C-alpha cells in the first residue's frame, strides 16, 4: 500500500470515529466497507482518464 491509499483509509476511519462520538445520529456499521473501498478507489484512479 502506498501513501495515498493509507491516507484514504485513514480519512475513512476518521469519519467512522466521528460517528462513534454520537454528535449526530449516524449508522457507523453501514460505513465499514469504506475502509476497504477507499484505498481501492485510489488505486483505480490512474486507470480513468480525465
C-alpha atoms as a PDB file:
ATOM      1  CA  UNK A   1       0.000   0.000   0.000  1.00  0.00           C
ATOM      2  CA  UNK A   2       1.346   3.388  -0.907  1.00  0.00           C
ATOM      3  CA  UNK A   3       0.820   6.660   0.931  1.00  0.00           C
ATOM      4  CA  UNK A   4      -2.337   7.893  -0.877  1.00  0.00           C
ATOM      5  CA  UNK A   5      -4.056   4.574  -0.148  1.00  0.00           C
ATOM      6  CA  UNK A   6      -3.165   4.815   3.523  1.00  0.00           C
ATOM      7  CA  UNK A   7      -4.416   8.409   3.647  1.00  0.00           C
ATOM      8  CA  UNK A   8      -7.746   7.375   2.102  1.00  0.00           C
ATOM      9  CA  UNK A   9      -8.176   4.610   4.654  1.00  0.00           C
ATOM     10  CA  UNK A  10      -7.208   6.948   7.490  1.00  0.00           C
ATOM     11  CA  UNK A  11      -9.732   9.573   6.411  1.00  0.00           C
ATOM     12  CA  UNK A  12     -12.493   6.951   6.153  1.00  0.00           C
ATOM     13  CA  UNK A  13     -11.577   5.739   9.632  1.00  0.00           C
ATOM     14  CA  UNK A  14     -11.687   9.288  10.949  1.00  0.00           C
ATOM     15  CA  UNK A  15     -15.227   9.720   9.686  1.00  0.00           C
ATOM     16  CA  UNK A  16     -16.175   6.457  11.381  1.00  0.00           C
ATOM     17  CA  UNK A  17     -14.668   7.651  14.650  1.00  0.00           C
ATOM     18  CA  UNK A  18     -16.625  10.888  14.429  1.00  0.00           C
ATOM     19  CA  UNK A  19     -19.751   8.803  14.019  1.00  0.00           C
ATOM     20  CA  UNK A  20     -18.985   6.998  17.271  1.00  0.00           C
ATOM     21  CA  UNK A  21     -18.981  10.290  19.187  1.00  0.00           C
ATOM     22  CA  UNK A  22     -22.793  10.491  18.842  1.00  0.00           C
ATOM     23  CA  UNK A  23     -22.723  14.146  17.810  1.00  0.00           C
ATOM     24  CA  UNK A  24     -25.353  13.265  15.246  1.00  0.00           C
ATOM     25  CA  UNK A  25     -27.289  10.052  14.712  1.00  0.00           C
ATOM     26  CA  UNK A  26     -25.184   8.099  12.231  1.00  0.00           C
ATOM     27  CA  UNK A  27     -25.151   4.419  11.338  1.00  0.00           C
ATOM     28  CA  UNK A  28     -21.471   3.614  11.631  1.00  0.00           C
ATOM     29  CA  UNK A  29     -21.731  -0.068  10.683  1.00  0.00           C
ATOM     30  CA  UNK A  30     -23.038   0.888   7.237  1.00  0.00           C
ATOM     31  CA  UNK A  31     -19.807   2.791   6.564  1.00  0.00           C
ATOM     32  CA  UNK A  32     -17.396  -0.038   7.447  1.00  0.00           C
ATOM     33  CA  UNK A  33     -16.957  -1.125   3.802  1.00  0.00           C
ATOM     34  CA  UNK A  34     -15.498   2.328   3.130  1.00  0.00           C
ATOM     35  CA  UNK A  35     -12.314   1.217   4.904  1.00  0.00           C
ATOM     36  CA  UNK A  36     -11.683  -1.225   2.066  1.00  0.00           C
ATOM     37  CA  UNK A  37     -13.367   0.691  -0.751  1.00  0.00           C
ATOM     38  CA  UNK A  38     -11.456   3.990  -0.319  1.00  0.00           C
ATOM     39  CA  UNK A  39      -7.970   2.534  -0.992  1.00  0.00           C
ATOM     40  CA  UNK A  40      -9.339   0.589  -3.969  1.00  0.00           C
ATOM     41  CA  UNK A  41     -10.685   3.832  -5.458  1.00  0.00           C
ATOM     42  CA  UNK A  42      -7.295   5.473  -5.008  1.00  0.00           C
ATOM     43  CA  UNK A  43      -5.587   2.523  -6.696  1.00  0.00           C
ATOM     44  CA  UNK A  44      -8.066   2.588  -9.607  1.00  0.00           C
ATOM     45  CA  UNK A  45      -7.781   6.362 -10.036  1.00  0.00           C
ATOM     46  CA  UNK A  46      -4.944   6.324 -12.596  1.00  0.00           C
ATOM     47  CA  UNK A  47      -6.972   3.987 -14.813  1.00  0.00           C
ATOM     48  CA  UNK A  48      -9.598   6.684 -15.505  1.00  0.00           C
ATOM     49  CA  UNK A  49      -8.516   9.331 -17.998  1.00  0.00           C
ATOM     50  CA  UNK A  50      -9.560  12.900 -17.211  1.00  0.00           C
END
